[in-house]
Structures are given as C-alpha cells and as structure tokens.
Amino acid sequence: MVEAAIRAGEQAAKDDLAKDADKMRAERDELQRQLADAQDEVQKAQTEAADAAARVARLQADWDNYRKRTAAERVAERARATEKLVESLLPAIDDLERAVEHAQGIDDAQVKELGAGIANVHAKIVGVLEREGVEVIDRPGEAFDPLREQAVGQVQDAEAYDDSVAQVLRRGYAMGGKVIRPAMVSVTVGGPKRPAPADDGGETA
C-alpha cells in the first residue's frame, strides 16, 4: 500500500510537472508570437517614419526651390521694370544733356545759371539710376568696344592709340551686364596699335 501510494504520488507529481511544462511552453510560444508581432510593428513604424521623413525632405526641397524661384523672378521682374524705366527716360536725359551743353556755349550769366540747374537735375536722375544698378557708358580715351559702343565717325589722331574712343556723342547705358543702349562714339584712326594686355596669369613650369 505504501509503495502504491508513493508511486501514485510520484505519478501525480510527474503529471503536475508535465502540465506546468505545457503551460510554460504555451506561455513561451505566446510571448514569442507577441514579440514577433511587436517586431513587425516596429519594422512597419520605422518604414512609415522613413517614408514620412523622405516626404518631408521632398516638401522642404520643393518649398526652398519655390522660394528661390520666386525671389529670382522678383529680381528679374524688378530688373525688367528698371530697364523699361531707363529706356523711357533716355530721351529726356538726352535732352537735358543737350540743354546743358547748349547753355555752356552761351556767354550769358542767366543762361549759364539755368544750365547749371539743368545739370543738377540731370545728375540727380543719373544718380538714382546708378543706385538701381544702371551703368553709364561714357569712356573717352578707352579702347573701342563694339559690344557697348556704336562707332558713327572717325577722327584722325596720330598720337592716340588706334580704335580708341575719341568722343562720346551720346552716352550709353547698361544694367546687369546687358547693354540697354550702346554709346554713340567717334573712334581714332592713324595712330599706333594699342598694346596687348599683360598676361597676369604667370608662366607655367
């Protein structure tokens, strides 16, 4: 009887251990499943976060490009407006210059005073244009530049370099590297050739 009781107890203990082992295996399997699900969720979240970050980066790049493009368009539009303004003012500026030149040739105090007033107005207008980036093309004595000057006459001068600007008959204007109106000039002929510009790059070994 005692041995039977012992065997029964041992069997019951084995059964309990087996049940506990099965329970632990089930809990382990459930934890592993939950861990796998969690890892899948983490991977999914990481992928979604990376996609969102990429979309944000693209949106930021598009926004930056838009701002740059808009700023460039505003600058270009302002330059076009300034260019049109300069073109519309050129006839009046030419008239002022001719009036000043005419007044200087008359020996009359009142006329000279009037000419000085006109010259002051002319200087103010040109000053405003220069502050807006307009360049006056007025280069007597410099080498003739066909891209910025229009030759309308020649002057014989054996002392001046050949193809130099002898006289500016009508000033030209440029802005942002673009010539709005070339200067009207006369150029010298019959003089020595202008020496080639010095090479500042140095010699290479």
N, C-alpha and C. Protein backbone atom coordinates (compact mmCIF):
# COMPACT_ATOMS: atom_id res chain seq x y z
N MET A 1 0.82 -1.21 0.00
CA MET A 1 0.00 0.00 0.00
C MET A 1 0.86 1.26 0.00
N VAL A 2 1.91 1.19 0.80
CA VAL A 2 2.78 2.37 0.90
C VAL A 2 3.45 2.62 -0.45
N GLU A 3 3.95 1.53 -1.06
CA GLU A 3 4.62 1.70 -2.35
C GLU A 3 3.65 2.22 -3.40
N ALA A 4 2.43 1.72 -3.34
CA ALA A 4 1.43 2.18 -4.30
C ALA A 4 1.15 3.66 -4.11
N ALA A 5 1.10 4.06 -2.86
CA ALA A 5 0.85 5.48 -2.57
C ALA A 5 2.00 6.33 -3.06
N ILE A 6 3.23 5.77 -2.85
CA ILE A 6 4.42 6.53 -3.31
C ILE A 6 4.39 6.66 -4.82
N ARG A 7 4.08 5.52 -5.49
CA ARG A 7 4.06 5.58 -6.95
C ARG A 7 2.97 6.53 -7.44
N ALA A 8 1.85 6.52 -6.76
CA ALA A 8 0.76 7.42 -7.14
C ALA A 8 1.17 8.87 -6.95
N GLY A 9 1.89 9.12 -5.85
CA GLY A 9 2.36 10.49 -5.61
C GLY A 9 3.36 10.92 -6.65
N GLU A 10 4.27 9.98 -6.97
CA GLU A 10 5.28 10.32 -7.99
C GLU A 10 4.62 10.60 -9.34
N GLN A 11 3.62 9.79 -9.67
CA GLN A 11 2.92 9.98 -10.95
C GLN A 11 2.19 11.31 -10.98
N ALA A 12 1.56 11.61 -9.84
CA ALA A 12 0.84 12.89 -9.76
C ALA A 12 1.80 14.06 -9.92
N ALA A 13 2.99 13.90 -9.29
CA ALA A 13 3.99 14.96 -9.41
C ALA A 13 4.45 15.10 -10.85
N LYS A 14 4.66 13.92 -11.51
CA LYS A 14 5.07 13.98 -12.92
C LYS A 14 4.00 14.64 -13.77
N ASP A 15 2.73 14.29 -13.46
CA ASP A 15 1.64 14.89 -14.24
C ASP A 15 1.59 16.40 -14.03
N ASP A 16 1.80 16.80 -12.76
CA ASP A 16 1.79 18.25 -12.48
C ASP A 16 2.94 18.95 -13.20
N LEU A 17 4.12 18.30 -13.18
CA LEU A 17 5.27 18.89 -13.87
C LEU A 17 5.02 18.98 -15.37
N ALA A 18 4.38 17.94 -15.92
CA ALA A 18 4.08 17.95 -17.35
C ALA A 18 3.11 19.06 -17.69
N LYS A 19 2.09 19.21 -16.81
CA LYS A 19 1.13 20.29 -17.03
C LYS A 19 1.81 21.66 -16.95
N ASP A 20 2.68 21.80 -15.92
CA ASP A 20 3.40 23.08 -15.78
C ASP A 20 4.29 23.34 -17.00
N ALA A 21 4.94 22.27 -17.50
CA ALA A 21 5.81 22.43 -18.67
C ALA A 21 4.99 22.83 -19.89
N ASP A 22 3.83 22.17 -20.06
CA ASP A 22 2.97 22.53 -21.19
C ASP A 22 2.50 23.97 -21.08
N LYS A 23 2.16 24.37 -19.86
CA LYS A 23 1.70 25.75 -19.65
C LYS A 23 2.81 26.75 -19.96
N MET A 24 4.03 26.42 -19.48
CA MET A 24 5.17 27.30 -19.72
C MET A 24 5.50 27.38 -21.21
N ARG A 25 5.40 26.20 -21.90
CA ARG A 25 5.66 26.22 -23.35
C ARG A 25 4.61 27.07 -24.07
N ALA A 26 3.36 26.96 -23.64
CA ALA A 26 2.29 27.75 -24.26
C ALA A 26 2.54 29.25 -24.02
N GLU A 27 2.93 29.58 -22.76
CA GLU A 27 3.23 30.99 -22.45
C GLU A 27 4.43 31.48 -23.26
N ARG A 28 5.45 30.59 -23.40
CA ARG A 28 6.63 30.96 -24.18
C ARG A 28 6.25 31.21 -25.63
N ASP A 29 5.44 30.27 -26.19
CA ASP A 29 5.02 30.43 -27.58
C ASP A 29 4.22 31.73 -27.77
N GLU A 30 3.36 32.04 -26.80
CA GLU A 30 2.57 33.27 -26.89
C GLU A 30 3.46 34.50 -26.82
N LEU A 31 4.44 34.47 -25.92
CA LEU A 31 5.38 35.60 -25.82
C LEU A 31 6.19 35.76 -27.10
N GLN A 32 6.62 34.63 -27.67
CA GLN A 32 7.36 34.70 -28.93
C GLN A 32 6.49 35.28 -30.05
N ARG A 33 5.20 34.87 -30.06
CA ARG A 33 4.30 35.41 -31.07
C ARG A 33 4.12 36.91 -30.88
N GLN A 34 3.92 37.32 -29.61
CA GLN A 34 3.77 38.74 -29.32
C GLN A 34 5.04 39.53 -29.69
N LEU A 35 6.20 38.90 -29.40
CA LEU A 35 7.47 39.55 -29.74
C LEU A 35 7.60 39.71 -31.25
N ALA A 36 7.24 38.66 -31.99
CA ALA A 36 7.31 38.74 -33.46
C ALA A 36 6.36 39.81 -33.99
N ASP A 37 5.14 39.85 -33.39
CA ASP A 37 4.19 40.89 -33.81
C ASP A 37 4.74 42.28 -33.50
N ALA A 38 5.35 42.41 -32.31
CA ALA A 38 5.91 43.71 -31.93
C ALA A 38 7.05 44.11 -32.87
N GLN A 39 7.89 43.13 -33.23
CA GLN A 39 8.98 43.42 -34.16
C GLN A 39 8.44 43.85 -35.52
N ASP A 40 7.36 43.17 -35.95
CA ASP A 40 6.73 43.56 -37.22
C ASP A 40 6.19 44.99 -37.14
N GLU A 41 5.57 45.32 -36.00
CA GLU A 41 5.04 46.67 -35.83
C GLU A 41 6.16 47.71 -35.81
N VAL A 42 7.27 47.35 -35.13
CA VAL A 42 8.42 48.27 -35.10
C VAL A 42 8.97 48.49 -36.50
N GLN A 43 9.11 47.39 -37.26
CA GLN A 43 9.62 47.50 -38.63
C GLN A 43 8.68 48.34 -39.49
N LYS A 44 7.37 48.12 -39.31
CA LYS A 44 6.39 48.89 -40.06
C LYS A 44 6.46 50.36 -39.69
N ALA A 45 6.58 50.62 -38.37
CA ALA A 45 6.67 52.02 -37.92
C ALA A 45 7.93 52.69 -38.44
N GLN A 46 9.05 51.94 -38.43
CA GLN A 46 10.30 52.50 -38.95
C GLN A 46 10.19 52.82 -40.44
N THR A 47 9.54 51.92 -41.19
CA THR A 47 9.35 52.15 -42.63
C THR A 47 8.48 53.37 -42.87
N GLU A 48 7.38 53.46 -42.09
CA GLU A 48 6.49 54.61 -42.24
C GLU A 48 7.20 55.90 -41.85
N ALA A 49 8.02 55.84 -40.80
CA ALA A 49 8.76 57.03 -40.37
C ALA A 49 9.76 57.46 -41.44
N ALA A 50 10.44 56.47 -42.05
CA ALA A 50 11.39 56.80 -43.12
C ALA A 50 10.68 57.41 -44.32
N ASP A 51 9.51 56.84 -44.67
CA ASP A 51 8.74 57.39 -45.79
C ASP A 51 8.28 58.82 -45.48
N ALA A 52 7.82 59.02 -44.23
CA ALA A 52 7.38 60.36 -43.84
C ALA A 52 8.53 61.35 -43.88
N ALA A 53 9.70 60.92 -43.39
CA ALA A 53 10.88 61.80 -43.41
C ALA A 53 11.27 62.15 -44.85
N ALA A 54 11.18 61.16 -45.74
CA ALA A 54 11.51 61.42 -47.15
C ALA A 54 10.52 62.40 -47.76
N ARG A 55 9.22 62.24 -47.43
CA ARG A 55 8.22 63.17 -47.95
C ARG A 55 8.45 64.58 -47.42
N VAL A 56 8.78 64.66 -46.13
CA VAL A 56 9.07 65.98 -45.54
C VAL A 56 10.27 66.62 -46.23
N ALA A 57 11.32 65.81 -46.48
CA ALA A 57 12.52 66.34 -47.15
C ALA A 57 12.18 66.83 -48.56
N ARG A 58 11.34 66.06 -49.28
CA ARG A 58 10.95 66.49 -50.63
C ARG A 58 10.13 67.77 -50.58
N LEU A 59 9.20 67.84 -49.62
CA LEU A 59 8.40 69.05 -49.48
C LEU A 59 9.27 70.25 -49.13
N GLN A 60 10.25 70.04 -48.24
CA GLN A 60 11.15 71.13 -47.87
C GLN A 60 11.97 71.59 -49.07
N ALA A 61 12.46 70.61 -49.86
CA ALA A 61 13.23 70.96 -51.05
C ALA A 61 12.36 71.71 -52.06
N ASP A 62 11.12 71.24 -52.24
CA ASP A 62 10.21 71.93 -53.16
C ASP A 62 9.93 73.35 -52.68
N TRP A 63 9.75 73.51 -51.37
CA TRP A 63 9.49 74.84 -50.81
C TRP A 63 10.69 75.75 -50.98
N ASP A 64 11.88 75.21 -50.72
CA ASP A 64 13.10 76.02 -50.90
C ASP A 64 13.26 76.43 -52.36
N ASN A 65 13.03 75.48 -53.27
CA ASN A 65 13.14 75.80 -54.70
C ASN A 65 12.11 76.85 -55.10
N TYR A 66 10.90 76.71 -54.54
CA TYR A 66 9.85 77.69 -54.85
C TYR A 66 10.24 79.08 -54.37
N ARG A 67 10.77 79.16 -53.15
CA ARG A 67 11.18 80.47 -52.62
C ARG A 67 12.30 81.06 -53.46
N LYS A 68 13.29 80.22 -53.83
CA LYS A 68 14.39 80.72 -54.65
C LYS A 68 13.89 81.18 -56.02
N ARG A 69 13.00 80.36 -56.61
CA ARG A 69 12.48 80.71 -57.93
C ARG A 69 11.66 82.00 -57.86
N THR A 70 10.85 82.11 -56.80
CA THR A 70 10.04 83.32 -56.65
C THR A 70 10.92 84.54 -56.44
N ALA A 71 11.96 84.39 -55.60
CA ALA A 71 12.88 85.51 -55.37
C ALA A 71 13.59 85.90 -56.66
N ALA A 72 14.03 84.89 -57.42
CA ALA A 72 14.71 85.18 -58.69
C ALA A 72 13.76 85.87 -59.67
N GLU A 73 12.49 85.43 -59.68
CA GLU A 73 11.51 86.06 -60.56
C GLU A 73 11.25 87.50 -60.16
N ARG A 74 11.22 87.76 -58.84
CA ARG A 74 11.02 89.14 -58.38
C ARG A 74 12.20 90.01 -58.79
N VAL A 75 13.42 89.47 -58.64
CA VAL A 75 14.61 90.24 -59.03
C VAL A 75 14.58 90.51 -60.54
N ALA A 76 14.24 89.47 -61.32
CA ALA A 76 14.19 89.64 -62.77
C ALA A 76 13.11 90.64 -63.18
N GLU A 77 11.96 90.57 -62.50
CA GLU A 77 10.87 91.49 -62.82
C GLU A 77 11.26 92.93 -62.48
N ARG A 78 11.94 93.09 -61.35
CA ARG A 78 12.39 94.43 -60.99
C ARG A 78 13.42 94.95 -62.00
N ALA A 79 14.31 94.06 -62.44
CA ALA A 79 15.30 94.46 -63.43
C ALA A 79 14.62 94.87 -64.74
N ARG A 80 13.60 94.09 -65.15
CA ARG A 80 12.88 94.44 -66.38
C ARG A 80 12.16 95.78 -66.24
N ALA A 81 11.56 96.00 -65.05
CA ALA A 81 10.87 97.27 -64.83
C ALA A 81 11.85 98.43 -64.84
N THR A 82 13.01 98.23 -64.21
CA THR A 82 14.03 99.29 -64.20
C THR A 82 14.53 99.55 -65.61
N GLU A 83 14.72 98.48 -66.38
CA GLU A 83 15.19 98.64 -67.76
C GLU A 83 14.18 99.44 -68.58
N LYS A 84 12.89 99.12 -68.43
CA LYS A 84 11.86 99.86 -69.16
C LYS A 84 11.84 101.32 -68.72
N LEU A 85 12.03 101.55 -67.41
CA LEU A 85 12.05 102.93 -66.92
C LEU A 85 13.21 103.70 -67.52
N VAL A 86 14.38 103.06 -67.55
CA VAL A 86 15.56 103.71 -68.12
C VAL A 86 15.32 104.04 -69.59
N GLU A 87 14.77 103.07 -70.33
CA GLU A 87 14.51 103.30 -71.75
C GLU A 87 13.55 104.47 -71.96
N SER A 88 12.55 104.57 -71.08
CA SER A 88 11.59 105.67 -71.23
C SER A 88 12.19 107.02 -70.84
N LEU A 89 13.22 106.99 -69.96
CA LEU A 89 13.84 108.24 -69.52
C LEU A 89 14.96 108.71 -70.45
N LEU A 90 15.48 107.82 -71.28
CA LEU A 90 16.64 108.18 -72.10
C LEU A 90 16.43 109.42 -72.97
N PRO A 91 15.29 109.55 -73.67
CA PRO A 91 15.12 110.77 -74.47
C PRO A 91 15.16 112.04 -73.62
N ALA A 92 14.55 112.00 -72.44
CA ALA A 92 14.57 113.18 -71.57
C ALA A 92 15.98 113.45 -71.06
N ILE A 93 16.72 112.39 -70.73
CA ILE A 93 18.10 112.57 -70.27
C ILE A 93 18.95 113.16 -71.39
N ASP A 94 18.75 112.68 -72.61
CA ASP A 94 19.49 113.23 -73.75
C ASP A 94 19.17 114.71 -73.94
N ASP A 95 17.90 115.07 -73.79
CA ASP A 95 17.50 116.48 -73.93
C ASP A 95 18.17 117.34 -72.86
N LEU A 96 18.23 116.82 -71.63
CA LEU A 96 18.88 117.58 -70.56
C LEU A 96 20.36 117.78 -70.87
N GLU A 97 21.02 116.74 -71.36
CA GLU A 97 22.44 116.85 -71.68
C GLU A 97 22.67 117.86 -72.80
N ARG A 98 21.80 117.85 -73.81
CA ARG A 98 21.95 118.81 -74.90
C ARG A 98 21.69 120.23 -74.41
N ALA A 99 20.72 120.38 -73.51
CA ALA A 99 20.43 121.71 -72.97
C ALA A 99 21.61 122.24 -72.17
N VAL A 100 22.24 121.37 -71.37
CA VAL A 100 23.41 121.79 -70.59
C VAL A 100 24.54 122.18 -71.53
N GLU A 101 24.78 121.36 -72.55
CA GLU A 101 25.86 121.66 -73.50
C GLU A 101 25.59 122.97 -74.23
N HIS A 102 24.34 123.20 -74.60
CA HIS A 102 23.99 124.45 -75.29
C HIS A 102 24.18 125.65 -74.38
N ALA A 103 23.76 125.51 -73.11
CA ALA A 103 23.89 126.63 -72.18
C ALA A 103 25.35 126.97 -71.92
N GLN A 104 26.20 125.96 -71.89
CA GLN A 104 27.62 126.21 -71.65
C GLN A 104 28.26 127.00 -72.79
N GLY A 105 27.68 126.92 -73.97
CA GLY A 105 28.25 127.63 -75.11
C GLY A 105 27.75 129.05 -75.28
N ILE A 106 26.86 129.50 -74.39
CA ILE A 106 26.31 130.85 -74.48
C ILE A 106 26.91 131.71 -73.38
N ASP A 107 27.43 132.88 -73.76
CA ASP A 107 28.07 133.78 -72.79
C ASP A 107 27.02 134.70 -72.17
N ASP A 108 26.23 134.09 -71.30
CA ASP A 108 25.19 134.85 -70.61
C ASP A 108 25.04 134.26 -69.21
N ALA A 109 25.10 135.11 -68.20
CA ALA A 109 25.08 134.64 -66.81
C ALA A 109 23.79 133.91 -66.48
N GLN A 110 22.66 134.44 -66.92
CA GLN A 110 21.38 133.81 -66.61
C GLN A 110 21.27 132.44 -67.31
N VAL A 111 21.72 132.39 -68.54
CA VAL A 111 21.67 131.11 -69.27
C VAL A 111 22.58 130.08 -68.61
N LYS A 112 23.77 130.53 -68.20
CA LYS A 112 24.69 129.61 -67.53
C LYS A 112 24.11 129.13 -66.20
N GLU A 113 23.43 130.02 -65.49
CA GLU A 113 22.80 129.62 -64.23
C GLU A 113 21.70 128.60 -64.49
N LEU A 114 20.92 128.85 -65.54
CA LEU A 114 19.88 127.89 -65.92
C LEU A 114 20.50 126.55 -66.30
N GLY A 115 21.61 126.61 -67.05
CA GLY A 115 22.30 125.39 -67.44
C GLY A 115 22.81 124.62 -66.24
N ALA A 116 23.30 125.35 -65.22
CA ALA A 116 23.77 124.69 -64.00
C ALA A 116 22.62 124.00 -63.28
N GLY A 117 21.45 124.62 -63.27
CA GLY A 117 20.28 123.99 -62.64
C GLY A 117 19.86 122.74 -63.38
N ILE A 118 19.89 122.80 -64.71
CA ILE A 118 19.55 121.62 -65.51
C ILE A 118 20.56 120.51 -65.28
N ALA A 119 21.84 120.88 -65.19
CA ALA A 119 22.88 119.88 -64.93
C ALA A 119 22.67 119.21 -63.58
N ASN A 120 22.21 119.98 -62.60
CA ASN A 120 21.95 119.41 -61.27
C ASN A 120 20.81 118.40 -61.33
N VAL A 121 19.74 118.75 -62.06
CA VAL A 121 18.62 117.82 -62.22
C VAL A 121 19.08 116.55 -62.94
N HIS A 122 19.88 116.74 -63.98
CA HIS A 122 20.40 115.60 -64.74
C HIS A 122 21.23 114.68 -63.85
N ALA A 123 22.09 115.29 -63.02
CA ALA A 123 22.95 114.49 -62.14
C ALA A 123 22.12 113.70 -61.13
N LYS A 124 21.04 114.28 -60.63
CA LYS A 124 20.18 113.58 -59.67
C LYS A 124 19.50 112.38 -60.33
N ILE A 125 19.01 112.58 -61.55
CA ILE A 125 18.34 111.48 -62.25
C ILE A 125 19.32 110.34 -62.51
N VAL A 126 20.51 110.68 -63.00
CA VAL A 126 21.51 109.65 -63.28
C VAL A 126 21.95 108.97 -61.99
N GLY A 127 22.04 109.73 -60.90
CA GLY A 127 22.41 109.15 -59.60
C GLY A 127 21.39 108.12 -59.13
N VAL A 128 20.11 108.42 -59.32
CA VAL A 128 19.06 107.47 -58.95
C VAL A 128 19.19 106.19 -59.79
N LEU A 129 19.44 106.35 -61.08
CA LEU A 129 19.58 105.18 -61.94
C LEU A 129 20.80 104.34 -61.55
N GLU A 130 21.89 105.01 -61.21
CA GLU A 130 23.11 104.28 -60.82
C GLU A 130 22.88 103.50 -59.53
N ARG A 131 22.11 104.06 -58.62
CA ARG A 131 21.81 103.32 -57.38
C ARG A 131 20.94 102.10 -57.65
N GLU A 132 20.23 102.11 -58.76
CA GLU A 132 19.42 100.95 -59.15
C GLU A 132 20.22 99.96 -60.00
N GLY A 133 21.53 100.20 -60.13
CA GLY A 133 22.38 99.26 -60.86
C GLY A 133 22.60 99.61 -62.31
N VAL A 134 22.20 100.81 -62.72
CA VAL A 134 22.40 101.23 -64.11
C VAL A 134 23.81 101.80 -64.26
N GLU A 135 24.50 101.37 -65.29
CA GLU A 135 25.86 101.84 -65.57
C GLU A 135 25.84 102.77 -66.77
N VAL A 136 26.49 103.92 -66.63
CA VAL A 136 26.60 104.86 -67.74
C VAL A 136 27.83 104.47 -68.57
N ILE A 137 27.65 104.34 -69.88
CA ILE A 137 28.76 104.01 -70.78
C ILE A 137 29.29 105.33 -71.35
N ASP A 138 30.39 105.77 -70.81
CA ASP A 138 30.98 107.06 -71.21
C ASP A 138 32.49 106.92 -71.02
N ARG A 139 33.21 106.47 -72.09
CA ARG A 139 34.60 106.06 -71.93
C ARG A 139 35.53 106.73 -72.95
N PRO A 140 35.61 108.03 -72.96
CA PRO A 140 36.54 108.67 -73.90
C PRO A 140 37.98 108.28 -73.58
N GLY A 141 38.74 107.98 -74.64
CA GLY A 141 40.14 107.59 -74.46
C GLY A 141 40.34 106.11 -74.27
N GLU A 142 39.29 105.36 -74.00
CA GLU A 142 39.41 103.92 -73.80
C GLU A 142 39.32 103.19 -75.15
N ALA A 143 39.71 101.92 -75.14
CA ALA A 143 39.62 101.11 -76.36
C ALA A 143 38.16 100.94 -76.78
N PHE A 144 37.90 101.10 -78.04
CA PHE A 144 36.55 100.96 -78.56
C PHE A 144 36.04 99.54 -78.35
N ASP A 145 34.82 99.43 -77.80
CA ASP A 145 34.20 98.13 -77.54
C ASP A 145 32.92 98.04 -78.37
N PRO A 146 32.94 97.25 -79.45
CA PRO A 146 31.76 97.19 -80.33
C PRO A 146 30.53 96.60 -79.65
N LEU A 147 30.70 95.93 -78.52
CA LEU A 147 29.55 95.37 -77.81
C LEU A 147 28.85 96.42 -76.96
N ARG A 148 29.55 97.51 -76.67
CA ARG A 148 28.98 98.54 -75.80
C ARG A 148 28.91 99.92 -76.47
N GLU A 149 29.54 100.02 -77.62
CA GLU A 149 29.61 101.32 -78.28
C GLU A 149 29.33 101.17 -79.77
N GLN A 150 28.73 102.20 -80.34
CA GLN A 150 28.44 102.24 -81.77
C GLN A 150 29.27 103.35 -82.40
N ALA A 151 30.15 102.98 -83.31
CA ALA A 151 31.01 103.97 -83.96
C ALA A 151 30.24 104.64 -85.09
N VAL A 152 30.17 105.97 -85.04
CA VAL A 152 29.45 106.72 -86.08
C VAL A 152 30.37 107.69 -86.82
N GLY A 153 31.65 107.69 -86.48
CA GLY A 153 32.58 108.58 -87.15
C GLY A 153 34.01 108.25 -86.78
N GLN A 154 34.95 108.80 -87.54
CA GLN A 154 36.37 108.58 -87.28
C GLN A 154 37.08 109.92 -87.11
N VAL A 155 38.14 109.89 -86.30
CA VAL A 155 38.95 111.08 -86.05
C VAL A 155 40.41 110.72 -86.28
N GLN A 156 41.06 111.44 -87.17
CA GLN A 156 42.49 111.22 -87.41
C GLN A 156 43.28 111.72 -86.20
N ASP A 157 44.07 110.83 -85.61
CA ASP A 157 44.89 111.21 -84.45
C ASP A 157 46.11 110.30 -84.44
N ALA A 158 47.25 110.88 -84.78
CA ALA A 158 48.48 110.09 -84.87
C ALA A 158 49.06 109.76 -83.51
N GLU A 159 48.61 110.43 -82.45
CA GLU A 159 49.17 110.22 -81.12
C GLU A 159 48.35 109.22 -80.29
N ALA A 160 47.06 109.21 -80.49
CA ALA A 160 46.21 108.30 -79.71
C ALA A 160 46.26 106.89 -80.30
N TYR A 161 46.07 105.92 -79.45
CA TYR A 161 46.02 104.54 -79.94
C TYR A 161 44.89 104.39 -80.95
N ASP A 162 45.15 103.60 -81.96
CA ASP A 162 44.14 103.33 -82.98
C ASP A 162 42.92 102.67 -82.34
N ASP A 163 41.74 102.99 -82.87
CA ASP A 163 40.47 102.42 -82.38
C ASP A 163 40.23 102.76 -80.91
N SER A 164 40.56 103.97 -80.53
CA SER A 164 40.19 104.47 -79.21
C SER A 164 38.94 105.33 -79.35
N VAL A 165 38.20 105.47 -78.25
CA VAL A 165 37.03 106.34 -78.27
C VAL A 165 37.51 107.79 -78.26
N ALA A 166 37.31 108.49 -79.38
CA ALA A 166 37.75 109.88 -79.46
C ALA A 166 36.77 110.81 -78.76
N GLN A 167 35.49 110.59 -78.98
CA GLN A 167 34.47 111.46 -78.40
C GLN A 167 33.18 110.66 -78.21
N VAL A 168 32.53 110.88 -77.08
CA VAL A 168 31.24 110.26 -76.83
C VAL A 168 30.16 111.24 -77.27
N LEU A 169 29.49 110.93 -78.36
CA LEU A 169 28.47 111.82 -78.90
C LEU A 169 27.13 111.63 -78.19
N ARG A 170 26.88 110.43 -77.72
CA ARG A 170 25.68 110.15 -76.94
C ARG A 170 26.00 109.01 -75.99
N ARG A 171 25.78 109.25 -74.72
CA ARG A 171 26.16 108.24 -73.73
C ARG A 171 25.26 107.01 -73.82
N GLY A 172 25.85 105.88 -73.48
CA GLY A 172 25.09 104.64 -73.47
C GLY A 172 24.79 104.21 -72.04
N TYR A 173 23.96 103.18 -71.91
CA TYR A 173 23.56 102.71 -70.59
C TYR A 173 23.47 101.18 -70.59
N ALA A 174 23.87 100.60 -69.48
CA ALA A 174 23.83 99.14 -69.32
C ALA A 174 23.36 98.82 -67.90
N MET A 175 22.87 97.60 -67.73
CA MET A 175 22.43 97.18 -66.40
C MET A 175 22.54 95.66 -66.30
N GLY A 176 23.17 95.20 -65.25
CA GLY A 176 23.30 93.76 -65.05
C GLY A 176 24.04 93.06 -66.17
N GLY A 177 25.02 93.75 -66.77
CA GLY A 177 25.77 93.16 -67.86
C GLY A 177 25.09 93.25 -69.22
N LYS A 178 23.86 93.77 -69.26
CA LYS A 178 23.12 93.90 -70.51
C LYS A 178 23.14 95.35 -70.96
N VAL A 179 23.49 95.57 -72.21
CA VAL A 179 23.51 96.93 -72.75
C VAL A 179 22.08 97.34 -73.12
N ILE A 180 21.59 98.38 -72.46
CA ILE A 180 20.26 98.90 -72.78
C ILE A 180 20.32 99.74 -74.05
N ARG A 181 21.36 100.57 -74.13
CA ARG A 181 21.60 101.36 -75.34
C ARG A 181 23.09 101.58 -75.47
N PRO A 182 23.69 101.24 -76.62
CA PRO A 182 25.13 101.46 -76.77
C PRO A 182 25.43 102.95 -76.87
N ALA A 183 26.63 103.30 -76.45
CA ALA A 183 27.06 104.69 -76.59
C ALA A 183 27.37 104.97 -78.06
N MET A 184 27.06 106.19 -78.49
CA MET A 184 27.35 106.61 -79.85
C MET A 184 28.67 107.39 -79.80
N VAL A 185 29.69 106.90 -80.51
CA VAL A 185 31.03 107.47 -80.36
C VAL A 185 31.70 107.65 -81.72
N SER A 186 32.77 108.46 -81.70
CA SER A 186 33.71 108.51 -82.82
C SER A 186 34.99 107.85 -82.35
N VAL A 187 35.71 107.22 -83.27
CA VAL A 187 36.92 106.48 -82.90
C VAL A 187 38.12 107.04 -83.65
N THR A 188 39.29 106.83 -83.06
CA THR A 188 40.52 107.36 -83.64
C THR A 188 41.07 106.40 -84.69
N VAL A 189 41.73 106.98 -85.68
CA VAL A 189 42.44 106.20 -86.70
C VAL A 189 43.77 106.89 -86.97
N GLY A 190 44.72 106.11 -87.50
CA GLY A 190 46.00 106.67 -87.88
C GLY A 190 47.05 106.69 -86.79
N GLY A 191 46.72 106.17 -85.62
CA GLY A 191 47.67 106.15 -84.51
C GLY A 191 48.31 104.79 -84.35
N PRO A 192 49.15 104.64 -83.34
CA PRO A 192 49.80 103.35 -83.09
C PRO A 192 48.79 102.31 -82.60
N LYS A 193 49.15 101.06 -82.80
CA LYS A 193 48.29 99.98 -82.32
C LYS A 193 48.35 99.92 -80.80
N ARG A 194 47.22 99.65 -80.21
CA ARG A 194 47.17 99.52 -78.75
C ARG A 194 47.88 98.23 -78.35
N PRO A 195 48.79 98.28 -77.35
CA PRO A 195 49.50 97.06 -76.94
C PRO A 195 48.54 96.04 -76.34
N ALA A 196 48.88 94.78 -76.52
CA ALA A 196 48.05 93.72 -75.96
C ALA A 196 48.10 93.78 -74.44
N PRO A 197 47.01 93.48 -73.76
CA PRO A 197 47.02 93.50 -72.29
C PRO A 197 48.00 92.49 -71.73
N ALA A 198 48.63 92.86 -70.62
CA ALA A 198 49.62 91.98 -69.99
C ALA A 198 48.94 90.74 -69.45
N ASP A 199 49.64 89.61 -69.55
CA ASP A 199 49.13 88.34 -69.02
C ASP A 199 49.52 88.24 -67.56
N ASP A 200 48.51 88.37 -66.67
CA ASP A 200 48.78 88.33 -65.23
C ASP A 200 48.78 86.91 -64.68
N GLY A 201 48.55 85.94 -65.56
CA GLY A 201 48.46 84.57 -65.06
C GLY A 201 49.79 83.97 -64.71
N GLY A 202 50.90 84.55 -65.22
CA GLY A 202 52.22 84.00 -64.92
C GLY A 202 52.54 82.83 -65.83
N GLU A 203 53.80 82.49 -65.86
CA GLU A 203 54.23 81.38 -66.70
C GLU A 203 54.14 80.07 -65.93
N THR A 204 53.79 79.04 -66.65
CA THR A 204 53.71 77.72 -66.02
C THR A 204 54.99 76.96 -66.29
N ALA A 205 55.45 76.24 -65.28
CA ALA A 205 56.70 75.49 -65.42
C ALA A 205 56.46 74.25 -66.25
